[in-house]
Structures are given as structure tokens and as C-alpha cells.
N, C-alpha and C. Protein backbone atom coordinates (compact mmCIF):
# COMPACT_ATOMS: atom_id res chain seq x y z
N MET A 1 12.67 -15.26 3.67
CA MET A 1 13.70 -15.09 2.67
C MET A 1 14.32 -13.73 2.87
N ALA A 2 15.60 -13.66 2.87
CA ALA A 2 16.32 -12.41 3.02
C ALA A 2 16.63 -11.86 1.64
N LEU A 3 16.02 -10.73 1.30
CA LEU A 3 16.20 -10.14 -0.02
C LEU A 3 17.31 -9.09 0.02
N SER A 4 17.95 -8.91 -1.11
CA SER A 4 18.84 -7.77 -1.25
C SER A 4 17.96 -6.57 -1.54
N LEU A 5 17.92 -5.65 -0.63
CA LEU A 5 16.97 -4.55 -0.74
C LEU A 5 17.68 -3.22 -0.64
N TRP A 6 17.16 -2.26 -1.33
CA TRP A 6 17.56 -0.89 -1.08
C TRP A 6 16.29 -0.10 -1.12
N GLY A 7 16.25 0.97 -0.41
CA GLY A 7 14.99 1.69 -0.40
C GLY A 7 15.11 3.05 0.22
N THR A 8 14.05 3.79 0.04
CA THR A 8 13.95 5.09 0.65
C THR A 8 12.58 5.19 1.28
N LEU A 9 12.49 5.91 2.36
CA LEU A 9 11.21 6.20 2.98
C LEU A 9 10.99 7.69 2.77
N GLY A 10 9.88 8.04 2.13
CA GLY A 10 9.66 9.44 1.84
C GLY A 10 8.46 9.98 2.56
N PHE A 11 8.68 10.84 3.54
CA PHE A 11 7.59 11.50 4.23
C PHE A 11 8.14 12.63 5.09
N THR A 12 7.26 13.40 5.68
CA THR A 12 7.67 14.53 6.49
C THR A 12 8.07 14.08 7.89
N GLN A 13 8.34 15.03 8.78
CA GLN A 13 8.84 14.72 10.10
C GLN A 13 7.75 14.34 11.09
N SER A 14 6.58 14.01 10.67
CA SER A 14 5.53 13.68 11.62
C SER A 14 5.88 12.42 12.40
N ALA A 15 5.34 12.29 13.60
CA ALA A 15 5.71 11.21 14.51
C ALA A 15 5.36 9.84 13.94
N GLN A 16 4.21 9.70 13.32
CA GLN A 16 3.83 8.39 12.81
C GLN A 16 4.70 7.98 11.63
N ALA A 17 5.23 8.93 10.89
CA ALA A 17 6.05 8.61 9.73
C ALA A 17 7.42 8.09 10.13
N ALA A 18 7.90 8.50 11.28
CA ALA A 18 9.24 8.08 11.71
C ALA A 18 9.33 6.58 11.92
N SER A 19 8.23 5.93 12.27
CA SER A 19 8.25 4.51 12.51
C SER A 19 7.64 3.70 11.36
N ALA A 20 7.24 4.34 10.29
CA ALA A 20 6.60 3.64 9.18
C ALA A 20 7.65 2.94 8.32
N ALA A 21 7.38 1.66 7.98
CA ALA A 21 8.34 0.90 7.19
C ALA A 21 7.73 -0.39 6.68
N PHE A 22 8.30 -0.91 5.60
CA PHE A 22 7.95 -2.24 5.11
C PHE A 22 8.72 -3.26 5.94
N SER A 23 8.11 -4.42 6.22
CA SER A 23 8.81 -5.46 6.96
C SER A 23 8.38 -6.85 6.46
N ASP A 24 9.26 -7.82 6.66
CA ASP A 24 8.99 -9.22 6.34
C ASP A 24 8.53 -9.43 4.90
N VAL A 25 9.09 -8.67 3.97
CA VAL A 25 8.67 -8.76 2.57
C VAL A 25 9.39 -9.91 1.89
N ARG A 26 8.64 -10.69 1.12
CA ARG A 26 9.23 -11.76 0.33
C ARG A 26 8.49 -11.86 -1.01
N PHE A 27 9.19 -12.38 -2.00
CA PHE A 27 8.64 -12.56 -3.33
C PHE A 27 8.72 -14.04 -3.68
N GLU A 28 7.71 -14.53 -4.41
CA GLU A 28 7.73 -15.91 -4.85
C GLU A 28 6.96 -16.06 -6.15
N MET A 29 7.36 -17.07 -6.93
CA MET A 29 6.64 -17.40 -8.15
C MET A 29 5.48 -18.29 -7.73
N ALA A 30 4.28 -17.83 -7.97
CA ALA A 30 3.09 -18.59 -7.58
C ALA A 30 2.19 -18.73 -8.78
N GLY A 31 2.27 -19.87 -9.43
CA GLY A 31 1.41 -20.13 -10.58
C GLY A 31 1.71 -19.23 -11.76
N ASP A 32 0.85 -18.25 -11.99
CA ASP A 32 0.91 -17.41 -13.18
C ASP A 32 1.65 -16.09 -12.98
N ALA A 33 2.22 -15.86 -11.77
CA ALA A 33 2.79 -14.54 -11.51
C ALA A 33 3.84 -14.59 -10.40
N VAL A 34 4.64 -13.51 -10.36
CA VAL A 34 5.52 -13.27 -9.21
C VAL A 34 4.68 -12.47 -8.23
N ARG A 35 4.66 -12.93 -6.98
CA ARG A 35 3.80 -12.31 -5.98
C ARG A 35 4.60 -11.85 -4.76
N MET A 36 4.06 -10.83 -4.11
CA MET A 36 4.71 -10.19 -2.96
C MET A 36 3.85 -10.42 -1.71
N THR A 37 4.52 -10.68 -0.59
CA THR A 37 3.85 -10.83 0.70
C THR A 37 4.68 -10.08 1.73
N GLY A 38 4.03 -9.46 2.69
CA GLY A 38 4.75 -8.74 3.74
C GLY A 38 3.83 -7.86 4.56
N ASN A 39 4.42 -6.90 5.25
CA ASN A 39 3.68 -5.99 6.12
C ASN A 39 4.19 -4.57 5.95
N ILE A 40 3.34 -3.61 6.30
CA ILE A 40 3.72 -2.20 6.33
C ILE A 40 3.35 -1.69 7.72
N ARG A 41 4.35 -1.33 8.49
CA ARG A 41 4.11 -0.83 9.85
C ARG A 41 3.92 0.68 9.80
N PHE A 42 2.84 1.16 10.41
CA PHE A 42 2.61 2.59 10.57
C PHE A 42 1.55 2.79 11.64
N THR A 43 1.50 3.99 12.18
CA THR A 43 0.43 4.37 13.10
C THR A 43 -0.22 5.64 12.56
N LEU A 44 -1.47 5.81 12.87
CA LEU A 44 -2.18 7.01 12.44
C LEU A 44 -2.01 8.10 13.50
N SER A 45 -1.88 9.33 13.05
CA SER A 45 -1.74 10.45 13.97
C SER A 45 -3.06 10.67 14.73
N GLU A 46 -2.96 11.40 15.82
CA GLU A 46 -4.14 11.70 16.64
C GLU A 46 -5.22 12.45 15.85
N PRO A 47 -4.88 13.49 15.05
CA PRO A 47 -5.93 14.17 14.27
C PRO A 47 -6.65 13.25 13.28
N VAL A 48 -5.93 12.32 12.68
CA VAL A 48 -6.57 11.37 11.74
C VAL A 48 -7.50 10.45 12.52
N GLN A 49 -7.07 9.96 13.67
CA GLN A 49 -7.93 9.09 14.48
C GLN A 49 -9.18 9.82 14.96
N GLN A 50 -9.02 11.09 15.35
CA GLN A 50 -10.18 11.87 15.80
C GLN A 50 -11.17 12.08 14.66
N THR A 51 -10.67 12.30 13.47
CA THR A 51 -11.53 12.46 12.30
C THR A 51 -12.30 11.17 12.04
N LEU A 52 -11.61 10.04 12.13
CA LEU A 52 -12.27 8.74 11.94
C LEU A 52 -13.38 8.53 12.97
N LEU A 53 -13.12 8.87 14.23
CA LEU A 53 -14.11 8.66 15.29
C LEU A 53 -15.37 9.50 15.09
N LYS A 54 -15.26 10.55 14.29
CA LYS A 54 -16.43 11.38 13.96
C LYS A 54 -17.23 10.80 12.80
N GLY A 55 -16.79 9.65 12.28
CA GLY A 55 -17.53 8.99 11.20
C GLY A 55 -17.08 9.40 9.81
N VAL A 56 -15.97 10.11 9.70
CA VAL A 56 -15.46 10.55 8.40
C VAL A 56 -14.46 9.50 7.89
N PRO A 57 -14.67 8.94 6.70
CA PRO A 57 -13.74 7.93 6.20
C PRO A 57 -12.40 8.52 5.77
N VAL A 58 -11.36 7.68 5.85
CA VAL A 58 -10.01 8.03 5.43
C VAL A 58 -9.60 7.04 4.36
N TYR A 59 -8.85 7.50 3.37
CA TYR A 59 -8.53 6.69 2.19
C TYR A 59 -7.03 6.41 2.09
N PHE A 60 -6.71 5.20 1.64
CA PHE A 60 -5.33 4.78 1.43
C PHE A 60 -5.20 4.23 0.02
N VAL A 61 -3.98 4.31 -0.51
CA VAL A 61 -3.67 3.67 -1.80
C VAL A 61 -2.39 2.87 -1.61
N PHE A 62 -2.44 1.59 -2.00
CA PHE A 62 -1.23 0.77 -2.04
C PHE A 62 -0.96 0.49 -3.51
N GLU A 63 0.29 0.72 -3.94
CA GLU A 63 0.61 0.53 -5.35
C GLU A 63 2.02 -0.03 -5.52
N THR A 64 2.18 -0.79 -6.58
CA THR A 64 3.51 -1.28 -6.96
C THR A 64 3.71 -1.03 -8.44
N ASP A 65 4.94 -0.70 -8.78
CA ASP A 65 5.36 -0.55 -10.18
C ASP A 65 6.62 -1.39 -10.35
N THR A 66 6.60 -2.29 -11.31
CA THR A 66 7.74 -3.17 -11.54
C THR A 66 8.40 -2.80 -12.86
N THR A 67 9.72 -2.61 -12.80
CA THR A 67 10.50 -2.29 -14.00
C THR A 67 11.61 -3.31 -14.15
N VAL A 68 12.05 -3.50 -15.40
CA VAL A 68 13.21 -4.34 -15.66
C VAL A 68 14.39 -3.41 -15.91
N ASN A 69 15.51 -3.72 -15.26
CA ASN A 69 16.70 -2.88 -15.38
C ASN A 69 17.38 -3.18 -16.71
N ARG A 70 17.74 -2.10 -17.44
CA ARG A 70 18.44 -2.25 -18.73
C ARG A 70 19.68 -1.38 -18.71
N TRP A 71 20.83 -1.95 -19.06
CA TRP A 71 22.08 -1.20 -19.04
C TRP A 71 22.20 -0.26 -20.24
N TYR A 72 21.51 -0.56 -21.33
CA TYR A 72 21.68 0.20 -22.57
C TYR A 72 20.65 1.32 -22.75
N TRP A 73 19.68 1.40 -21.88
CA TRP A 73 18.62 2.37 -22.03
C TRP A 73 17.97 2.56 -20.67
N THR A 74 16.98 3.39 -20.58
CA THR A 74 16.29 3.54 -19.30
C THR A 74 15.53 2.26 -18.97
N ASP A 75 15.24 2.08 -17.70
CA ASP A 75 14.49 0.91 -17.27
C ASP A 75 13.11 0.90 -17.91
N ARG A 76 12.62 -0.30 -18.21
CA ARG A 76 11.33 -0.44 -18.89
C ARG A 76 10.26 -0.87 -17.88
N SER A 77 9.17 -0.14 -17.85
CA SER A 77 8.06 -0.46 -16.96
C SER A 77 7.32 -1.68 -17.50
N LEU A 78 7.07 -2.66 -16.61
CA LEU A 78 6.41 -3.90 -17.02
C LEU A 78 5.03 -4.08 -16.43
N TYR A 79 4.85 -3.70 -15.16
CA TYR A 79 3.59 -4.03 -14.51
C TYR A 79 3.31 -3.02 -13.39
N SER A 80 2.10 -2.49 -13.37
CA SER A 80 1.65 -1.59 -12.31
C SER A 80 0.34 -2.10 -11.75
N HIS A 81 0.18 -1.98 -10.45
CA HIS A 81 -1.02 -2.50 -9.80
C HIS A 81 -1.35 -1.60 -8.62
N ARG A 82 -2.64 -1.29 -8.41
CA ARG A 82 -3.09 -0.42 -7.31
C ARG A 82 -4.28 -1.02 -6.60
N ARG A 83 -4.34 -0.72 -5.31
CA ARG A 83 -5.53 -1.06 -4.52
C ARG A 83 -5.89 0.17 -3.70
N TYR A 84 -7.16 0.54 -3.74
CA TYR A 84 -7.68 1.68 -2.98
C TYR A 84 -8.44 1.14 -1.78
N MET A 85 -8.19 1.72 -0.61
CA MET A 85 -8.85 1.26 0.61
C MET A 85 -9.46 2.44 1.34
N ARG A 86 -10.64 2.19 1.88
CA ARG A 86 -11.34 3.21 2.66
C ARG A 86 -11.53 2.65 4.07
N LEU A 87 -11.11 3.42 5.07
CA LEU A 87 -11.27 3.04 6.47
C LEU A 87 -12.28 3.99 7.08
N ALA A 88 -13.30 3.41 7.72
CA ALA A 88 -14.35 4.24 8.32
C ALA A 88 -14.80 3.64 9.64
N TYR A 89 -15.21 4.53 10.54
CA TYR A 89 -15.81 4.11 11.80
C TYR A 89 -17.31 4.31 11.69
N LEU A 90 -18.07 3.31 12.09
CA LEU A 90 -19.54 3.38 12.07
C LEU A 90 -20.00 3.60 13.51
N PRO A 91 -20.24 4.86 13.92
CA PRO A 91 -20.53 5.15 15.34
C PRO A 91 -21.77 4.43 15.88
N LEU A 92 -22.81 4.30 15.08
CA LEU A 92 -24.03 3.66 15.58
C LEU A 92 -23.82 2.17 15.86
N LEU A 93 -22.99 1.53 15.06
CA LEU A 93 -22.71 0.11 15.24
C LEU A 93 -21.47 -0.15 16.10
N ARG A 94 -20.69 0.91 16.32
CA ARG A 94 -19.41 0.80 17.02
C ARG A 94 -18.51 -0.24 16.35
N LYS A 95 -18.46 -0.16 15.03
CA LYS A 95 -17.64 -1.07 14.22
C LYS A 95 -16.76 -0.24 13.29
N TRP A 96 -15.65 -0.86 12.88
CA TRP A 96 -14.75 -0.28 11.89
C TRP A 96 -14.96 -1.04 10.59
N ARG A 97 -14.96 -0.31 9.48
CA ARG A 97 -15.16 -0.94 8.17
C ARG A 97 -14.00 -0.60 7.26
N VAL A 98 -13.51 -1.63 6.56
CA VAL A 98 -12.50 -1.44 5.53
C VAL A 98 -13.12 -1.86 4.21
N ASN A 99 -13.08 -0.96 3.22
CA ASN A 99 -13.52 -1.25 1.87
C ASN A 99 -12.29 -1.28 0.98
N ALA A 100 -12.22 -2.23 0.06
CA ALA A 100 -11.09 -2.31 -0.87
C ALA A 100 -11.63 -2.38 -2.29
N SER A 101 -10.95 -1.69 -3.20
CA SER A 101 -11.37 -1.63 -4.59
C SER A 101 -10.16 -1.42 -5.49
N ASN A 102 -10.28 -1.81 -6.75
CA ASN A 102 -9.22 -1.55 -7.72
C ASN A 102 -9.37 -0.19 -8.38
N GLU A 103 -10.42 0.54 -8.02
CA GLU A 103 -10.67 1.88 -8.57
C GLU A 103 -10.85 2.85 -7.41
N PRO A 104 -10.55 4.14 -7.65
CA PRO A 104 -10.79 5.12 -6.57
C PRO A 104 -12.27 5.15 -6.20
N PHE A 105 -12.54 5.44 -4.94
CA PHE A 105 -13.91 5.52 -4.46
C PHE A 105 -14.49 6.86 -4.91
N SER A 106 -15.70 6.81 -5.41
CA SER A 106 -16.40 8.05 -5.75
C SER A 106 -17.86 7.86 -5.41
N ARG A 107 -18.53 8.94 -5.22
CA ARG A 107 -19.93 8.85 -4.78
C ARG A 107 -20.85 8.24 -5.82
N GLY A 108 -20.48 8.27 -7.10
CA GLY A 108 -21.32 7.71 -8.15
C GLY A 108 -20.82 6.38 -8.69
N SER A 109 -19.73 5.86 -8.15
CA SER A 109 -19.13 4.64 -8.68
C SER A 109 -19.90 3.40 -8.24
N THR A 110 -20.01 2.45 -9.14
CA THR A 110 -20.66 1.18 -8.81
C THR A 110 -19.71 0.02 -9.06
N GLY A 111 -18.41 0.25 -9.00
CA GLY A 111 -17.42 -0.79 -9.23
C GLY A 111 -17.44 -1.83 -8.11
N VAL A 112 -16.64 -2.87 -8.27
CA VAL A 112 -16.56 -3.95 -7.29
C VAL A 112 -15.82 -3.46 -6.06
N VAL A 113 -16.45 -3.60 -4.91
CA VAL A 113 -15.86 -3.17 -3.65
C VAL A 113 -16.03 -4.31 -2.65
N LEU A 114 -14.94 -4.67 -1.98
CA LEU A 114 -15.01 -5.68 -0.92
C LEU A 114 -15.11 -4.97 0.42
N ASN A 115 -16.00 -5.44 1.29
CA ASN A 115 -16.23 -4.82 2.59
C ASN A 115 -15.93 -5.82 3.70
N GLN A 116 -15.36 -5.29 4.79
CA GLN A 116 -15.11 -6.13 5.95
C GLN A 116 -15.26 -5.28 7.20
N ASN A 117 -15.95 -5.80 8.22
CA ASN A 117 -16.16 -5.07 9.48
C ASN A 117 -15.28 -5.64 10.58
N PHE A 118 -14.87 -4.75 11.52
CA PHE A 118 -13.99 -5.12 12.61
C PHE A 118 -14.46 -4.48 13.90
N ASP A 119 -14.07 -5.07 15.03
CA ASP A 119 -14.45 -4.54 16.34
C ASP A 119 -13.50 -3.46 16.84
N SER A 120 -12.27 -3.39 16.30
CA SER A 120 -11.30 -2.41 16.78
C SER A 120 -10.55 -1.77 15.62
N LEU A 121 -9.98 -0.59 15.90
CA LEU A 121 -9.17 0.10 14.90
C LEU A 121 -7.94 -0.73 14.57
N ALA A 122 -7.32 -1.34 15.57
CA ALA A 122 -6.12 -2.15 15.33
C ALA A 122 -6.40 -3.30 14.37
N SER A 123 -7.53 -3.94 14.52
CA SER A 123 -7.90 -5.05 13.62
C SER A 123 -8.13 -4.55 12.20
N ALA A 124 -8.80 -3.42 12.08
CA ALA A 124 -9.05 -2.85 10.75
C ALA A 124 -7.74 -2.43 10.08
N LEU A 125 -6.85 -1.80 10.85
CA LEU A 125 -5.56 -1.37 10.29
C LEU A 125 -4.70 -2.56 9.88
N SER A 126 -4.83 -3.68 10.57
CA SER A 126 -4.01 -4.84 10.23
C SER A 126 -4.29 -5.33 8.81
N VAL A 127 -5.52 -5.15 8.34
CA VAL A 127 -5.85 -5.52 6.96
C VAL A 127 -5.18 -4.58 5.97
N ILE A 128 -5.16 -3.29 6.29
CA ILE A 128 -4.53 -2.30 5.42
C ILE A 128 -3.01 -2.49 5.42
N GLN A 129 -2.46 -2.90 6.55
CA GLN A 129 -1.01 -3.05 6.69
C GLN A 129 -0.47 -4.35 6.11
N ARG A 130 -1.32 -5.28 5.78
CA ARG A 130 -0.88 -6.60 5.30
C ARG A 130 -0.86 -6.64 3.78
N ILE A 131 0.27 -7.09 3.23
CA ILE A 131 0.39 -7.35 1.78
C ILE A 131 0.33 -8.85 1.62
N SER A 132 -0.68 -9.34 0.94
CA SER A 132 -0.85 -10.78 0.83
C SER A 132 -1.07 -11.19 -0.62
N ASN A 133 -0.13 -12.01 -1.13
CA ASN A 133 -0.28 -12.58 -2.47
C ASN A 133 -0.49 -11.51 -3.54
N TRP A 134 0.23 -10.40 -3.42
CA TRP A 134 0.08 -9.24 -4.30
C TRP A 134 0.90 -9.44 -5.58
N GLN A 135 0.25 -9.42 -6.71
CA GLN A 135 0.94 -9.64 -7.98
C GLN A 135 1.81 -8.44 -8.34
N VAL A 136 3.10 -8.72 -8.65
CA VAL A 136 4.00 -7.65 -9.08
C VAL A 136 4.50 -7.84 -10.50
N LEU A 137 4.30 -9.05 -11.08
CA LEU A 137 4.79 -9.32 -12.43
C LEU A 137 4.12 -10.56 -12.98
N ASP A 138 3.75 -10.50 -14.27
CA ASP A 138 3.22 -11.69 -14.94
C ASP A 138 4.35 -12.70 -15.18
N LYS A 139 4.01 -13.97 -15.17
CA LYS A 139 5.01 -15.01 -15.37
C LYS A 139 5.68 -14.88 -16.74
N GLU A 140 4.93 -14.45 -17.75
CA GLU A 140 5.48 -14.30 -19.10
C GLU A 140 6.57 -13.24 -19.16
N ASP A 141 6.51 -12.25 -18.26
CA ASP A 141 7.49 -11.16 -18.24
C ASP A 141 8.72 -11.49 -17.40
N TRP A 142 8.72 -12.64 -16.73
CA TRP A 142 9.84 -13.02 -15.86
C TRP A 142 10.94 -13.67 -16.67
N SER A 143 12.18 -13.25 -16.42
CA SER A 143 13.36 -13.87 -17.01
C SER A 143 14.38 -14.08 -15.88
N SER A 144 14.91 -15.28 -15.79
CA SER A 144 15.84 -15.57 -14.70
C SER A 144 17.16 -14.81 -14.84
N ASP A 145 17.44 -14.28 -16.04
CA ASP A 145 18.67 -13.52 -16.26
C ASP A 145 18.52 -12.03 -15.98
N ALA A 146 17.30 -11.56 -15.83
CA ALA A 146 17.05 -10.11 -15.70
C ALA A 146 17.07 -9.68 -14.23
N ARG A 147 17.23 -8.36 -14.06
CA ARG A 147 17.10 -7.74 -12.73
C ARG A 147 15.91 -6.80 -12.78
N TYR A 148 15.07 -6.91 -11.77
CA TYR A 148 13.86 -6.11 -11.71
C TYR A 148 13.90 -5.22 -10.48
N THR A 149 13.15 -4.13 -10.54
CA THR A 149 12.95 -3.27 -9.39
C THR A 149 11.45 -3.17 -9.14
N VAL A 150 11.04 -3.46 -7.92
CA VAL A 150 9.64 -3.32 -7.52
C VAL A 150 9.56 -2.11 -6.60
N GLN A 151 8.87 -1.07 -7.05
CA GLN A 151 8.67 0.13 -6.25
C GLN A 151 7.32 -0.02 -5.55
N ALA A 152 7.34 -0.15 -4.23
CA ALA A 152 6.11 -0.32 -3.45
C ALA A 152 5.84 0.95 -2.66
N ARG A 153 4.57 1.28 -2.54
CA ARG A 153 4.21 2.52 -1.85
C ARG A 153 2.82 2.40 -1.23
N LEU A 154 2.69 2.85 0.01
CA LEU A 154 1.40 3.01 0.67
C LEU A 154 1.30 4.46 1.09
N ARG A 155 0.18 5.09 0.76
CA ARG A 155 0.03 6.50 1.14
C ARG A 155 -1.41 6.78 1.56
N LEU A 156 -1.53 7.80 2.39
CA LEU A 156 -2.84 8.31 2.76
C LEU A 156 -3.29 9.19 1.61
N ASP A 157 -4.44 8.91 1.03
CA ASP A 157 -4.91 9.62 -0.15
C ASP A 157 -5.89 10.71 0.26
N THR A 158 -5.35 11.91 0.46
CA THR A 158 -6.19 13.03 0.90
C THR A 158 -7.04 13.60 -0.24
N SER A 159 -6.75 13.25 -1.48
CA SER A 159 -7.54 13.76 -2.61
C SER A 159 -8.96 13.20 -2.62
N GLN A 160 -9.19 12.08 -1.93
CA GLN A 160 -10.53 11.50 -1.89
C GLN A 160 -11.36 11.96 -0.69
N LEU A 161 -10.74 12.77 0.18
CA LEU A 161 -11.47 13.30 1.32
C LEU A 161 -12.54 14.28 0.86
N GLN A 162 -13.52 14.51 1.74
CA GLN A 162 -14.54 15.50 1.44
C GLN A 162 -13.89 16.87 1.31
N GLY A 163 -14.47 17.73 0.50
CA GLY A 163 -13.88 19.01 0.13
C GLY A 163 -13.29 19.83 1.26
N LEU A 164 -14.04 20.06 2.34
CA LEU A 164 -13.54 20.90 3.43
C LEU A 164 -12.37 20.25 4.16
N LEU A 165 -12.34 18.93 4.24
CA LEU A 165 -11.25 18.26 4.94
C LEU A 165 -9.94 18.32 4.16
N GLN A 166 -10.02 18.49 2.86
CA GLN A 166 -8.80 18.56 2.05
C GLN A 166 -7.97 19.79 2.40
N ILE A 167 -8.62 20.83 2.88
CA ILE A 167 -7.90 22.06 3.24
C ILE A 167 -6.95 21.79 4.40
N GLY A 168 -7.41 21.11 5.44
CA GLY A 168 -6.57 20.84 6.61
C GLY A 168 -5.67 19.63 6.43
N ALA A 169 -5.87 18.87 5.37
CA ALA A 169 -5.11 17.64 5.16
C ALA A 169 -3.70 17.89 4.67
N GLY A 170 -3.31 19.14 4.47
CA GLY A 170 -1.96 19.43 4.02
C GLY A 170 -0.94 19.45 5.15
N SER A 171 -1.39 19.33 6.39
CA SER A 171 -0.46 19.37 7.52
C SER A 171 0.29 18.05 7.66
N ALA A 172 1.36 18.08 8.43
CA ALA A 172 2.20 16.88 8.64
C ALA A 172 1.41 15.76 9.32
N ASP A 173 0.38 16.10 10.10
CA ASP A 173 -0.43 15.07 10.76
C ASP A 173 -1.18 14.19 9.77
N TRP A 174 -1.42 14.70 8.59
CA TRP A 174 -2.17 13.96 7.57
C TRP A 174 -1.25 13.35 6.53
N HIS A 175 0.03 13.43 6.73
CA HIS A 175 0.97 12.94 5.73
C HIS A 175 1.50 11.55 6.12
N LEU A 176 1.11 10.55 5.36
CA LEU A 176 1.63 9.20 5.53
C LEU A 176 1.97 8.69 4.14
N ASP A 177 3.23 8.46 3.89
CA ASP A 177 3.69 8.01 2.58
C ASP A 177 4.90 7.11 2.79
N VAL A 178 4.69 5.81 2.72
CA VAL A 178 5.74 4.82 2.95
C VAL A 178 6.15 4.26 1.60
N GLN A 179 7.42 4.39 1.25
CA GLN A 179 7.92 3.91 -0.05
C GLN A 179 9.16 3.07 0.15
N ARG A 180 9.32 2.09 -0.74
CA ARG A 180 10.55 1.31 -0.73
C ARG A 180 10.73 0.64 -2.08
N ASN A 181 11.97 0.58 -2.52
CA ASN A 181 12.32 -0.11 -3.76
C ASN A 181 12.96 -1.44 -3.39
N PHE A 182 12.50 -2.50 -4.04
CA PHE A 182 13.04 -3.84 -3.82
C PHE A 182 13.70 -4.33 -5.10
N ARG A 183 14.93 -4.80 -4.99
CA ARG A 183 15.59 -5.42 -6.12
C ARG A 183 15.14 -6.88 -6.16
N LEU A 184 14.85 -7.37 -7.35
CA LEU A 184 14.32 -8.72 -7.50
C LEU A 184 15.07 -9.45 -8.60
N THR A 185 15.73 -10.55 -8.23
CA THR A 185 16.47 -11.39 -9.18
C THR A 185 16.06 -12.85 -8.97
N GLN A 186 16.59 -13.73 -9.78
CA GLN A 186 16.31 -15.16 -9.64
C GLN A 186 16.75 -15.66 -8.27
N GLN A 187 17.87 -15.17 -7.75
CA GLN A 187 18.34 -15.60 -6.44
C GLN A 187 17.35 -15.22 -5.34
N ASP A 188 16.72 -14.06 -5.48
CA ASP A 188 15.76 -13.63 -4.49
C ASP A 188 14.53 -14.55 -4.47
N LEU A 189 14.10 -15.00 -5.65
CA LEU A 189 12.97 -15.94 -5.71
C LEU A 189 13.37 -17.30 -5.17
N SER A 190 14.61 -17.71 -5.37
CA SER A 190 15.07 -19.01 -4.93
C SER A 190 15.11 -19.12 -3.42
N ARG A 191 15.18 -18.01 -2.73
CA ARG A 191 15.27 -18.03 -1.27
C ARG A 191 13.92 -18.18 -0.59
N SER A 192 12.83 -18.16 -1.35
CA SER A 192 11.50 -18.23 -0.72
C SER A 192 11.18 -19.63 -0.23
């Protein structure tokens, strides 16, 4: 489905950020909600990959915020959703692990976490880069006459890194922040 889209990509001049972008994004009404499917293309910088190979996990956050456009007042926020992901290399097993959770990872947290192991970094990253059946709006909040904006963002979350790594994480090599705003109307859903 070809959506009417406008967007901005916000990040520094690092090499991996220049090619980072959302692609093949579509929205559809699926049962109880409006859902988003698509991909986010990006590559990790060499310093981030080297850190991973040393067994230090790296954290990502994917989030969407959906607002309804109003001509008489500011836009009203309707739905926000986040997923936290941890990517780690297990040197003894020579495997890559992706953990996903609805809450930030912390050393004392016992929340629900999904784990998946992979043989290569590319395979592990493909899970982080894929948006599948992601809820952006409840069906009750959908109106065929309204215009919505879905703000989607994937970023490298350096705040969850170990203390000493946070100091060096301010460089452009550690900056990955892909953002895009999608306009969503009844016509956009009809094209799915």
C-alpha cells in the first residue's frame, strides 16, 4: 500500500545514520486495532559492533505515538506503545541473543522478557529491524472521518548501558535515532 507520508530523519552525521530509514510501511485494521507493519533499515557502527563482540549488550527502543489531528486545538494524543530490545553476543556459545520487553531492562527486573538466539549478527538485527503487527491505535479510537499522525521512532538507548560505557556513548558512532511521521486516514487503510 502506498501511503501519503511525510517525515523527518533525526540523527547526526555518522555513516550508519545516513542510510537509516523506514521502508515498506503499511497500516491495516486487524481485529481490535489499527496495526503497523514494515522495516527499519540501519547498520551499526564499527565501535558498537566491537563493543558487542566483547560481550557487552546494546539496547534499542522502538516507540510509536498516535495523535488525532484537530483544526480547533492542538492534536490529541491517543495511543503510545514501546518495545525495549537488548542485543548481546554470547562469546562462549558464539550466538547472538535478542531480548524484547515492554519495560526497560534493569538488573533487578523480573518482568516478561522474550528471548531468541541467532547464529549471526545480521539475523539478530533483522528481528530488531522488523515491525510486525504493531498496534498503533485501538479500534474504538478509529474514526473514518479523522486524520491521524503516527510518530514512529527507533533509537539506540545509551541510558541502559553500563555506567562506564555511557561516557563514550555520546559520540556520533553511538548515535542511532530513526524517526518518521506517517499520516493515516481512511484512504490509507483502504489501500492495504
